[in-house]
Amino acid sequence: MHVEVMYLLCCRMNGRDKHECFVCVITASLPPQIGSLQRLETLVLEQNRITSLPPTVEGLKSLRHISLASNDLRAFPVQLCAIRTLDVIDLSHNKLTDVPDAIRDLNAIELNVNQNQVILYFGLPDDT
């Protein structure tokens, strides 16, 4: 089966040396080279047909915000659990059925899994 793939990648650097990347991907996956953008801080991959992320995503060591909203993710991208700099993870409007316990190890301020099929959710730590 031949799949047409189109990548539109637009990265910019603002005055404080921050990198943002907004990607329009018409495919099921991203190229593994995405992990080489080590200074990337914002990655928006909304409204595509992404079903998974390449393992190289773990190389995005400066990433603070990722949005994978409105895609075709059926499994939580566990690669995100290795990116300790993440503050915001938006996985809303996908087809997720669970969230791994490893997400607890992140310092993420916001995790959005609304509008998914999550039937098993990890327990929050007890403050007592």
N, C-alpha and C. Protein backbone atom coordinates (compact mmCIF):
# COMPACT_ATOMS: atom_id res chain seq x y z
N MET A 1 0.84 -1.17 0.00
CA MET A 1 0.00 0.00 0.00
C MET A 1 0.89 1.24 0.00
N HIS A 2 0.64 2.14 -0.89
CA HIS A 2 1.40 3.38 -0.98
C HIS A 2 0.64 4.48 -0.26
N VAL A 3 1.30 5.17 0.62
CA VAL A 3 0.66 6.25 1.38
C VAL A 3 1.29 7.57 0.99
N GLU A 4 0.49 8.52 0.62
CA GLU A 4 1.00 9.86 0.33
C GLU A 4 1.28 10.55 1.67
N VAL A 5 2.41 11.17 1.77
CA VAL A 5 2.79 11.84 3.00
C VAL A 5 3.16 13.27 2.69
N MET A 6 2.64 14.19 3.47
CA MET A 6 3.01 15.58 3.29
C MET A 6 3.38 16.15 4.66
N TYR A 7 4.55 16.73 4.75
CA TYR A 7 4.98 17.38 5.98
C TYR A 7 5.10 18.88 5.74
N LEU A 8 4.52 19.63 6.61
CA LEU A 8 4.70 21.07 6.60
C LEU A 8 5.24 21.41 7.97
N LEU A 9 6.49 21.76 8.03
CA LEU A 9 7.16 22.00 9.30
C LEU A 9 7.62 23.44 9.33
N CYS A 10 7.13 24.17 10.29
CA CYS A 10 7.48 25.59 10.40
C CYS A 10 7.99 25.83 11.80
N CYS A 11 9.26 26.05 11.94
CA CYS A 11 9.86 26.32 13.24
C CYS A 11 10.28 27.78 13.29
N ARG A 12 10.16 28.36 14.45
CA ARG A 12 10.59 29.74 14.60
C ARG A 12 11.30 29.90 15.94
N MET A 13 12.12 30.89 15.99
CA MET A 13 12.83 31.19 17.21
C MET A 13 12.47 32.60 17.61
N ASN A 14 12.01 32.76 18.85
CA ASN A 14 11.69 34.12 19.29
C ASN A 14 12.93 34.76 19.92
N GLY A 15 12.79 35.97 20.40
CA GLY A 15 13.93 36.73 20.90
C GLY A 15 14.62 36.12 22.10
N ARG A 16 13.95 35.21 22.80
CA ARG A 16 14.57 34.62 23.98
C ARG A 16 15.12 33.23 23.70
N ASP A 17 15.39 32.94 22.43
CA ASP A 17 15.98 31.67 22.03
C ASP A 17 15.08 30.48 22.34
N LYS A 18 13.76 30.71 22.23
CA LYS A 18 12.82 29.61 22.40
C LYS A 18 12.38 29.13 21.04
N HIS A 19 12.24 27.86 20.91
CA HIS A 19 11.84 27.27 19.64
C HIS A 19 10.43 26.72 19.74
N GLU A 20 9.63 26.98 18.74
CA GLU A 20 8.28 26.45 18.67
C GLU A 20 8.12 25.77 17.32
N CYS A 21 7.36 24.71 17.31
CA CYS A 21 7.17 24.00 16.05
C CYS A 21 5.70 23.63 15.92
N PHE A 22 5.13 23.99 14.81
CA PHE A 22 3.75 23.66 14.51
C PHE A 22 3.77 22.81 13.26
N VAL A 23 3.27 21.61 13.35
CA VAL A 23 3.42 20.65 12.27
C VAL A 23 2.05 20.23 11.76
N CYS A 24 1.92 20.23 10.45
CA CYS A 24 0.76 19.66 9.80
C CYS A 24 1.23 18.37 9.14
N VAL A 25 0.76 17.26 9.64
CA VAL A 25 1.21 15.97 9.15
C VAL A 25 0.03 15.22 8.59
N ILE A 26 0.14 14.78 7.36
CA ILE A 26 -0.92 13.97 6.78
C ILE A 26 -0.34 12.58 6.62
N THR A 27 -0.35 11.86 7.71
CA THR A 27 0.23 10.52 7.78
C THR A 27 -0.13 9.93 9.14
N ALA A 28 0.33 8.74 9.41
CA ALA A 28 0.05 8.10 10.68
C ALA A 28 1.19 8.27 11.68
N SER A 29 2.34 8.71 11.23
CA SER A 29 3.47 8.85 12.15
C SER A 29 4.38 9.99 11.72
N LEU A 30 5.25 10.36 12.63
CA LEU A 30 6.22 11.43 12.39
C LEU A 30 7.55 10.82 11.98
N PRO A 31 8.38 11.58 11.30
CA PRO A 31 9.71 11.06 10.95
C PRO A 31 10.57 10.96 12.22
N PRO A 32 11.45 9.99 12.30
CA PRO A 32 12.29 9.85 13.49
C PRO A 32 13.19 11.05 13.73
N GLN A 33 13.46 11.84 12.70
CA GLN A 33 14.32 13.01 12.84
C GLN A 33 13.73 14.07 13.77
N ILE A 34 12.45 13.96 14.09
CA ILE A 34 11.82 14.94 14.99
C ILE A 34 12.59 15.00 16.32
N GLY A 35 13.15 13.89 16.76
CA GLY A 35 13.87 13.83 18.02
C GLY A 35 15.17 14.61 18.04
N SER A 36 15.63 15.05 16.89
CA SER A 36 16.89 15.81 16.84
C SER A 36 16.68 17.29 17.15
N LEU A 37 15.45 17.72 17.30
CA LEU A 37 15.16 19.13 17.62
C LEU A 37 15.25 19.34 19.13
N GLN A 38 16.45 19.27 19.64
CA GLN A 38 16.68 19.24 21.08
C GLN A 38 16.31 20.53 21.81
N ARG A 39 16.22 21.65 21.11
CA ARG A 39 15.85 22.91 21.76
C ARG A 39 14.37 23.26 21.54
N LEU A 40 13.62 22.36 20.94
CA LEU A 40 12.21 22.58 20.70
C LEU A 40 11.45 22.63 22.02
N GLU A 41 10.61 23.66 22.21
CA GLU A 41 9.86 23.82 23.45
C GLU A 41 8.37 23.60 23.29
N THR A 42 7.82 23.88 22.11
CA THR A 42 6.39 23.72 21.87
C THR A 42 6.19 22.92 20.59
N LEU A 43 5.36 21.89 20.67
CA LEU A 43 5.08 21.07 19.51
C LEU A 43 3.57 20.85 19.43
N VAL A 44 2.95 21.36 18.39
CA VAL A 44 1.51 21.26 18.19
C VAL A 44 1.26 20.35 16.99
N LEU A 45 0.60 19.24 17.25
CA LEU A 45 0.33 18.24 16.22
C LEU A 45 -1.17 17.93 16.17
N GLU A 46 -1.97 18.94 16.31
CA GLU A 46 -3.43 18.77 16.41
C GLU A 46 -4.07 18.46 15.05
N GLN A 47 -5.18 17.74 15.12
CA GLN A 47 -6.05 17.47 13.98
C GLN A 47 -5.32 16.82 12.81
N ASN A 48 -4.66 15.73 13.10
CA ASN A 48 -4.01 14.92 12.09
C ASN A 48 -4.52 13.50 12.21
N ARG A 49 -3.81 12.58 11.65
CA ARG A 49 -4.18 11.17 11.76
C ARG A 49 -3.06 10.38 12.42
N ILE A 50 -2.41 10.98 13.37
CA ILE A 50 -1.27 10.35 14.04
C ILE A 50 -1.75 9.21 14.93
N THR A 51 -1.13 8.05 14.77
CA THR A 51 -1.48 6.88 15.57
C THR A 51 -0.41 6.54 16.59
N SER A 52 0.80 7.06 16.39
CA SER A 52 1.89 6.78 17.33
C SER A 52 3.00 7.80 17.13
N LEU A 53 3.91 7.83 18.09
CA LEU A 53 5.08 8.69 18.01
C LEU A 53 6.33 7.82 17.90
N PRO A 54 7.35 8.29 17.19
CA PRO A 54 8.58 7.50 17.12
C PRO A 54 9.32 7.54 18.46
N PRO A 55 10.10 6.51 18.76
CA PRO A 55 10.86 6.49 20.02
C PRO A 55 11.79 7.69 20.17
N THR A 56 12.21 8.28 19.06
CA THR A 56 13.14 9.41 19.11
C THR A 56 12.54 10.66 19.73
N VAL A 57 11.24 10.68 19.95
CA VAL A 57 10.60 11.83 20.61
C VAL A 57 11.22 12.07 21.97
N GLU A 58 11.73 11.02 22.59
CA GLU A 58 12.39 11.16 23.89
C GLU A 58 13.57 12.12 23.82
N GLY A 59 14.10 12.39 22.64
CA GLY A 59 15.22 13.31 22.46
C GLY A 59 14.84 14.78 22.56
N LEU A 60 13.56 15.08 22.68
CA LEU A 60 13.11 16.48 22.78
C LEU A 60 13.26 16.95 24.22
N LYS A 61 14.47 17.11 24.65
CA LYS A 61 14.79 17.38 26.05
C LYS A 61 14.38 18.76 26.57
N SER A 62 14.02 19.68 25.68
CA SER A 62 13.58 21.01 26.11
C SER A 62 12.08 21.20 25.96
N LEU A 63 11.38 20.17 25.51
CA LEU A 63 9.95 20.29 25.23
C LEU A 63 9.16 20.57 26.50
N ARG A 64 8.37 21.63 26.45
CA ARG A 64 7.54 22.03 27.59
C ARG A 64 6.05 21.83 27.33
N HIS A 65 5.65 21.90 26.07
CA HIS A 65 4.23 21.82 25.72
C HIS A 65 4.08 20.97 24.47
N ILE A 66 3.23 19.94 24.56
CA ILE A 66 2.92 19.13 23.38
C ILE A 66 1.41 18.98 23.29
N SER A 67 0.89 19.17 22.11
CA SER A 67 -0.52 18.93 21.87
C SER A 67 -0.67 17.92 20.74
N LEU A 68 -1.29 16.81 21.08
CA LEU A 68 -1.62 15.77 20.12
C LEU A 68 -3.14 15.61 20.06
N ALA A 69 -3.86 16.69 20.32
CA ALA A 69 -5.32 16.66 20.34
C ALA A 69 -5.87 16.32 18.96
N SER A 70 -6.98 15.62 18.97
CA SER A 70 -7.72 15.30 17.74
C SER A 70 -6.88 14.51 16.74
N ASN A 71 -6.36 13.39 17.20
CA ASN A 71 -5.62 12.46 16.34
C ASN A 71 -6.24 11.08 16.48
N ASP A 72 -5.51 10.06 16.13
CA ASP A 72 -6.00 8.68 16.21
C ASP A 72 -5.18 7.83 17.17
N LEU A 73 -4.71 8.43 18.25
CA LEU A 73 -3.92 7.70 19.24
C LEU A 73 -4.81 6.73 20.00
N ARG A 74 -4.42 5.47 20.02
CA ARG A 74 -5.16 4.45 20.77
C ARG A 74 -4.42 4.08 22.05
N ALA A 75 -3.14 4.36 22.08
CA ALA A 75 -2.31 4.09 23.25
C ALA A 75 -1.60 5.37 23.66
N PHE A 76 -1.45 5.55 24.94
CA PHE A 76 -0.74 6.71 25.46
C PHE A 76 0.71 6.65 24.98
N PRO A 77 1.23 7.72 24.40
CA PRO A 77 2.63 7.71 23.93
C PRO A 77 3.59 7.71 25.13
N VAL A 78 4.03 6.53 25.55
CA VAL A 78 4.86 6.41 26.75
C VAL A 78 6.19 7.13 26.61
N GLN A 79 6.59 7.45 25.37
CA GLN A 79 7.82 8.21 25.17
C GLN A 79 7.75 9.56 25.90
N LEU A 80 6.55 10.09 26.05
CA LEU A 80 6.39 11.39 26.71
C LEU A 80 6.81 11.32 28.17
N CYS A 81 6.71 10.15 28.78
CA CYS A 81 7.07 10.00 30.20
C CYS A 81 8.56 10.18 30.43
N ALA A 82 9.37 10.13 29.39
CA ALA A 82 10.81 10.32 29.50
C ALA A 82 11.24 11.78 29.36
N ILE A 83 10.29 12.65 29.02
CA ILE A 83 10.62 14.07 28.81
C ILE A 83 10.25 14.83 30.08
N ARG A 84 11.21 15.04 30.93
CA ARG A 84 11.00 15.62 32.26
C ARG A 84 10.64 17.11 32.24
N THR A 85 10.85 17.78 31.12
CA THR A 85 10.58 19.21 31.03
C THR A 85 9.13 19.54 30.69
N LEU A 86 8.32 18.54 30.38
CA LEU A 86 6.95 18.79 29.95
C LEU A 86 6.11 19.42 31.05
N ASP A 87 5.44 20.52 30.72
CA ASP A 87 4.50 21.18 31.62
C ASP A 87 3.06 20.90 31.19
N VAL A 88 2.84 20.82 29.88
CA VAL A 88 1.49 20.65 29.34
C VAL A 88 1.49 19.51 28.32
N ILE A 89 0.56 18.58 28.54
CA ILE A 89 0.36 17.47 27.60
C ILE A 89 -1.12 17.44 27.26
N ASP A 90 -1.45 17.66 26.00
CA ASP A 90 -2.84 17.64 25.56
C ASP A 90 -3.05 16.45 24.62
N LEU A 91 -3.76 15.45 25.11
CA LEU A 91 -4.08 14.26 24.34
C LEU A 91 -5.59 14.12 24.17
N SER A 92 -6.29 15.23 24.28
CA SER A 92 -7.75 15.20 24.17
C SER A 92 -8.20 14.79 22.77
N HIS A 93 -9.41 14.27 22.71
CA HIS A 93 -10.05 13.91 21.43
C HIS A 93 -9.24 12.88 20.65
N ASN A 94 -8.86 11.80 21.33
CA ASN A 94 -8.19 10.67 20.69
C ASN A 94 -9.00 9.42 21.01
N LYS A 95 -8.35 8.29 21.01
CA LYS A 95 -9.03 7.02 21.29
C LYS A 95 -8.31 6.26 22.40
N LEU A 96 -7.76 7.01 23.34
CA LEU A 96 -7.00 6.39 24.44
C LEU A 96 -7.94 5.61 25.35
N THR A 97 -7.44 4.49 25.85
CA THR A 97 -8.23 3.69 26.79
C THR A 97 -7.62 3.68 28.19
N ASP A 98 -6.37 4.12 28.33
CA ASP A 98 -5.78 4.21 29.66
C ASP A 98 -4.61 5.18 29.66
N VAL A 99 -4.15 5.48 30.86
CA VAL A 99 -3.01 6.37 31.08
C VAL A 99 -2.03 5.59 31.94
N PRO A 100 -0.77 5.49 31.53
CA PRO A 100 0.19 4.68 32.30
C PRO A 100 0.55 5.32 33.65
N ASP A 101 0.86 4.47 34.60
CA ASP A 101 1.29 4.97 35.92
C ASP A 101 2.55 5.80 35.83
N ALA A 102 3.37 5.59 34.81
CA ALA A 102 4.63 6.32 34.66
C ALA A 102 4.40 7.83 34.51
N ILE A 103 3.20 8.23 34.19
CA ILE A 103 2.90 9.66 34.05
C ILE A 103 3.09 10.38 35.39
N ARG A 104 2.99 9.65 36.47
CA ARG A 104 3.19 10.26 37.80
C ARG A 104 4.60 10.81 37.98
N ASP A 105 5.55 10.27 37.24
CA ASP A 105 6.95 10.70 37.37
C ASP A 105 7.21 12.05 36.72
N LEU A 106 6.26 12.53 35.94
CA LEU A 106 6.43 13.83 35.28
C LEU A 106 6.00 14.95 36.20
N ASN A 107 6.53 16.13 35.96
CA ASN A 107 6.13 17.31 36.70
C ASN A 107 5.10 18.12 35.94
N ALA A 108 4.44 17.48 34.98
CA ALA A 108 3.48 18.19 34.12
C ALA A 108 2.42 18.88 34.97
N ILE A 109 2.17 20.13 34.63
CA ILE A 109 1.16 20.92 35.33
C ILE A 109 -0.23 20.57 34.81
N GLU A 110 -0.31 20.26 33.53
CA GLU A 110 -1.60 19.98 32.91
C GLU A 110 -1.53 18.75 32.02
N LEU A 111 -2.42 17.81 32.28
CA LEU A 111 -2.58 16.62 31.44
C LEU A 111 -4.04 16.58 31.02
N ASN A 112 -4.30 16.73 29.73
CA ASN A 112 -5.66 16.74 29.21
C ASN A 112 -5.91 15.47 28.44
N VAL A 113 -6.77 14.61 28.97
CA VAL A 113 -7.18 13.39 28.27
C VAL A 113 -8.70 13.37 28.08
N ASN A 114 -9.31 14.55 28.06
CA ASN A 114 -10.75 14.65 27.83
C ASN A 114 -11.12 14.09 26.47
N GLN A 115 -12.35 13.64 26.36
CA GLN A 115 -12.90 13.13 25.11
C GLN A 115 -12.10 11.96 24.55
N ASN A 116 -11.78 11.03 25.43
CA ASN A 116 -11.13 9.78 25.06
C ASN A 116 -12.00 8.64 25.57
N GLN A 117 -11.50 7.44 25.46
CA GLN A 117 -12.23 6.27 25.94
C GLN A 117 -11.52 5.67 27.15
N VAL A 118 -10.98 6.54 27.99
CA VAL A 118 -10.22 6.10 29.15
C VAL A 118 -11.16 5.38 30.11
N ILE A 119 -10.87 4.09 30.34
CA ILE A 119 -11.69 3.32 31.27
C ILE A 119 -10.90 2.96 32.53
N LEU A 120 -9.59 3.08 32.46
CA LEU A 120 -8.75 2.79 33.62
C LEU A 120 -7.82 3.99 33.77
N TYR A 121 -7.88 4.63 34.91
CA TYR A 121 -7.05 5.80 35.16
C TYR A 121 -6.24 5.55 36.41
N PHE A 122 -4.99 5.92 36.40
CA PHE A 122 -4.14 5.68 37.56
C PHE A 122 -4.67 6.46 38.76
N GLY A 123 -4.42 5.93 39.95
CA GLY A 123 -4.84 6.61 41.16
C GLY A 123 -3.89 7.73 41.51
N LEU A 124 -4.44 8.82 42.00
CA LEU A 124 -3.62 9.95 42.42
C LEU A 124 -3.00 9.64 43.77
N PRO A 125 -1.82 10.15 44.06
CA PRO A 125 -1.20 9.87 45.35
C PRO A 125 -2.07 10.40 46.48
N ASP A 126 -2.09 9.65 47.57
CA ASP A 126 -2.87 10.03 48.73
C ASP A 126 -2.08 11.02 49.56
N ASP A 127 -2.67 12.18 49.85
CA ASP A 127 -1.98 13.23 50.60
C ASP A 127 -2.08 13.05 52.10
N THR A 128 -2.71 12.00 52.55
CA THR A 128 -2.88 11.82 54.00
C THR A 128 -1.70 11.15 54.63
